[in-house]
C-alpha atoms as a PDB file:
ATOM      1  CA  UNK A   1      -1.325 -29.589 -19.057  1.00  0.00           C
ATOM      2  CA  UNK A   2       0.054 -29.336 -15.521  1.00  0.00           C
ATOM      3  CA  UNK A   3       1.370 -26.003 -14.296  1.00  0.00           C
ATOM      4  CA  UNK A   4       4.842 -26.172 -12.831  1.00  0.00           C
ATOM      5  CA  UNK A   5       5.925 -23.445 -10.422  1.00  0.00           C
ATOM      6  CA  UNK A   6       9.370 -22.113  -9.742  1.00  0.00           C
ATOM      7  CA  UNK A   7      11.106 -23.148  -6.538  1.00  0.00           C
ATOM      8  CA  UNK A   8      12.565 -19.641  -6.061  1.00  0.00           C
ATOM      9  CA  UNK A   9      12.545 -16.159  -7.587  1.00  0.00           C
ATOM     10  CA  UNK A  10      15.730 -16.525  -9.620  1.00  0.00           C
ATOM     11  CA  UNK A  11      13.986 -17.131 -12.989  1.00  0.00           C
ATOM     12  CA  UNK A  12      11.725 -14.081 -12.680  1.00  0.00           C
ATOM     13  CA  UNK A  13      14.633 -11.914 -11.560  1.00  0.00           C
ATOM     14  CA  UNK A  14      16.569 -13.051 -14.629  1.00  0.00           C
ATOM     15  CA  UNK A  15      13.589 -12.203 -16.866  1.00  0.00           C
ATOM     16  CA  UNK A  16      13.214  -8.759 -15.241  1.00  0.00           C
ATOM     17  CA  UNK A  17      16.937  -7.990 -15.559  1.00  0.00           C
ATOM     18  CA  UNK A  18      16.923  -8.903 -19.234  1.00  0.00           C
ATOM     19  CA  UNK A  19      13.754  -6.919 -19.940  1.00  0.00           C
ATOM     20  CA  UNK A  20      15.098  -3.814 -18.192  1.00  0.00           C
ATOM     21  CA  UNK A  21      18.439  -4.148 -19.979  1.00  0.00           C
ATOM     22  CA  UNK A  22      16.674  -4.536 -23.338  1.00  0.00           C
ATOM     23  CA  UNK A  23      14.604  -1.423 -22.614  1.00  0.00           C
ATOM     24  CA  UNK A  24      17.672   0.574 -21.541  1.00  0.00           C
ATOM     25  CA  UNK A  25      16.324   1.046 -18.019  1.00  0.00           C
ATOM     26  CA  UNK A  26      17.813   0.604 -14.579  1.00  0.00           C
ATOM     27  CA  UNK A  27      16.824  -2.693 -12.980  1.00  0.00           C
ATOM     28  CA  UNK A  28      13.839  -2.794 -10.622  1.00  0.00           C
ATOM     29  CA  UNK A  29      13.269  -6.074  -8.824  1.00  0.00           C
ATOM     30  CA  UNK A  30       9.952  -7.945  -9.089  1.00  0.00           C
ATOM     31  CA  UNK A  31       9.140  -7.273  -5.435  1.00  0.00           C
ATOM     32  CA  UNK A  32       9.116  -3.513  -6.088  1.00  0.00           C
ATOM     33  CA  UNK A  33       6.197  -4.087  -8.479  1.00  0.00           C
ATOM     34  CA  UNK A  34       4.258  -5.967  -5.762  1.00  0.00           C
ATOM     35  CA  UNK A  35       4.849  -3.075  -3.371  1.00  0.00           C
ATOM     36  CA  UNK A  36       3.609  -0.585  -5.977  1.00  0.00           C
ATOM     37  CA  UNK A  37       0.544  -2.728  -6.681  1.00  0.00           C
ATOM     38  CA  UNK A  38      -0.223  -3.036  -2.955  1.00  0.00           C
ATOM     39  CA  UNK A  39      -0.015   0.744  -2.548  1.00  0.00           C
ATOM     40  CA  UNK A  40      -2.254   1.243  -5.593  1.00  0.00           C
ATOM     41  CA  UNK A  41      -4.791  -1.160  -4.087  1.00  0.00           C
ATOM     42  CA  UNK A  42      -4.879   0.902  -0.897  1.00  0.00           C
ATOM     43  CA  UNK A  43      -5.953   3.895  -2.963  1.00  0.00           C
ATOM     44  CA  UNK A  44      -8.387   2.357  -5.426  1.00  0.00           C
ATOM     45  CA  UNK A  45     -10.176  -0.245  -3.308  1.00  0.00           C
ATOM     46  CA  UNK A  46     -13.295   1.226  -1.694  1.00  0.00           C
ATOM     47  CA  UNK A  47     -14.322  -1.643   0.559  1.00  0.00           C
ATOM     48  CA  UNK A  48     -12.555  -4.269   2.660  1.00  0.00           C
ATOM     49  CA  UNK A  49     -13.881  -6.930   0.294  1.00  0.00           C
ATOM     50  CA  UNK A  50     -12.309  -5.191  -2.707  1.00  0.00           C
ATOM     51  CA  UNK A  51      -8.972  -4.931  -0.898  1.00  0.00           C
ATOM     52  CA  UNK A  52      -9.205  -8.587   0.107  1.00  0.00           C
ATOM     53  CA  UNK A  53      -9.640  -9.539  -3.558  1.00  0.00           C
ATOM     54  CA  UNK A  54      -6.718  -7.250  -4.476  1.00  0.00           C
ATOM     55  CA  UNK A  55      -4.602  -8.882  -1.765  1.00  0.00           C
ATOM     56  CA  UNK A  56      -5.459 -12.359  -3.033  1.00  0.00           C
ATOM     57  CA  UNK A  57      -4.354 -11.314  -6.521  1.00  0.00           C
ATOM     58  CA  UNK A  58      -0.981 -10.428  -4.997  1.00  0.00           C
ATOM     59  CA  UNK A  59      -0.803 -14.029  -3.774  1.00  0.00           C
ATOM     60  CA  UNK A  60      -1.624 -13.383  -0.112  1.00  0.00           C
ATOM     61  CA  UNK A  61      -4.107 -15.714   1.554  1.00  0.00           C
ATOM     62  CA  UNK A  62      -4.472 -13.310   4.478  1.00  0.00           C
ATOM     63  CA  UNK A  63      -5.173  -9.631   3.829  1.00  0.00           C
ATOM     64  CA  UNK A  64      -3.080  -8.818   6.907  1.00  0.00           C
ATOM     65  CA  UNK A  65      -0.036 -10.090   5.027  1.00  0.00           C
ATOM     66  CA  UNK A  66      -0.579  -7.298   2.510  1.00  0.00           C
ATOM     67  CA  UNK A  67      -1.119  -4.695   5.211  1.00  0.00           C
ATOM     68  CA  UNK A  68       1.824  -5.769   7.357  1.00  0.00           C
ATOM     69  CA  UNK A  69       4.223  -6.092   4.426  1.00  0.00           C
ATOM     70  CA  UNK A  70       3.203  -3.050   2.413  1.00  0.00           C
ATOM     71  CA  UNK A  71       0.731  -1.102   4.526  1.00  0.00           C
ATOM     72  CA  UNK A  72       2.965   1.611   6.003  1.00  0.00           C
ATOM     73  CA  UNK A  73       1.409   5.001   5.282  1.00  0.00           C
ATOM     74  CA  UNK A  74       3.874   7.874   4.990  1.00  0.00           C
ATOM     75  CA  UNK A  75       3.313  10.588   7.622  1.00  0.00           C
ATOM     76  CA  UNK A  76       2.400  13.272   5.072  1.00  0.00           C
ATOM     77  CA  UNK A  77      -0.105  10.944   3.392  1.00  0.00           C
ATOM     78  CA  UNK A  78      -1.494   9.972   6.817  1.00  0.00           C
ATOM     79  CA  UNK A  79      -2.139  13.638   7.631  1.00  0.00           C
ATOM     80  CA  UNK A  80      -3.716  14.163   4.201  1.00  0.00           C
ATOM     81  CA  UNK A  81      -6.061  11.204   4.701  1.00  0.00           C
ATOM     82  CA  UNK A  82      -7.086  12.259   8.214  1.00  0.00           C
ATOM     83  CA  UNK A  83      -7.766  15.826   7.060  1.00  0.00           C
ATOM     84  CA  UNK A  84      -9.859  14.435   4.204  1.00  0.00           C
ATOM     85  CA  UNK A  85     -12.113  12.534   6.599  1.00  0.00           C
ATOM     86  CA  UNK A  86     -13.835  15.751   7.636  1.00  0.00           C
ATOM     87  CA  UNK A  87     -14.429  17.031   4.123  1.00  0.00           C
ATOM     88  CA  UNK A  88     -17.693  15.218   3.510  1.00  0.00           C
ATOM     89  CA  UNK A  89     -20.940  16.391   5.098  1.00  0.00           C
ATOM     90  CA  UNK A  90     -22.016  12.835   5.816  1.00  0.00           C
ATOM     91  CA  UNK A  91     -18.884  11.820   7.695  1.00  0.00           C
ATOM     92  CA  UNK A  92     -19.302  11.485  11.481  1.00  0.00           C
ATOM     93  CA  UNK A  93     -16.005  13.257  12.211  1.00  0.00           C
ATOM     94  CA  UNK A  94     -16.588  16.970  11.811  1.00  0.00           C
ATOM     95  CA  UNK A  95     -14.990  20.245  12.872  1.00  0.00           C
ATOM     96  CA  UNK A  96     -13.467  20.070  16.343  1.00  0.00           C
ATOM     97  CA  UNK A  97     -13.254  16.270  16.264  1.00  0.00           C
ATOM     98  CA  UNK A  98     -10.953  16.430  13.218  1.00  0.00           C
ATOM     99  CA  UNK A  99      -8.894  19.166  14.898  1.00  0.00           C
ATOM    100  CA  UNK A 100      -8.490  16.981  17.994  1.00  0.00           C
ATOM    101  CA  UNK A 101      -7.400  13.985  15.931  1.00  0.00           C
ATOM    102  CA  UNK A 102      -4.895  16.121  14.025  1.00  0.00           C
ATOM    103  CA  UNK A 103      -3.433  17.552  17.272  1.00  0.00           C
ATOM    104  CA  UNK A 104      -3.147  14.043  18.697  1.00  0.00           C
ATOM    105  CA  UNK A 105      -1.352  12.751  15.596  1.00  0.00           C
ATOM    106  CA  UNK A 106       0.988  15.729  15.490  1.00  0.00           C
ATOM    107  CA  UNK A 107       1.827  15.283  19.194  1.00  0.00           C
ATOM    108  CA  UNK A 108       2.413  11.568  18.650  1.00  0.00           C
ATOM    109  CA  UNK A 109       4.928  12.360  15.892  1.00  0.00           C
ATOM    110  CA  UNK A 110       6.562  15.300  17.728  1.00  0.00           C
ATOM    111  CA  UNK A 111       5.972  15.005  21.486  1.00  0.00           C
ATOM    112  CA  UNK A 112       6.293  18.295  23.423  1.00  0.00           C
ATOM    113  CA  UNK A 113       9.605  18.658  25.254  1.00  0.00           C
END
């Protein structure tokens, strides 16, 4: 049996609206689920290959489409991730190097007057 695709997102939006209404919830559009899934992939994928597979499951041929559309890291999360880089003994960034990176990032966000 041949698979027939939709020409636009109207049918899925209609399905989502009905499902949310039936569940007594406020509507969330289908794209918000893709964004959530992309952000989850950023956290659970451990290798570029894993993230590439995750990206393909979101329907992106190019992993950069996933990064450029959904890859913005919030500033507080960015700081958390950078601080975490120095927490393992095997990581090449240690001590003063982490402090320098953190000062650079802080200055980039809030340049001195």
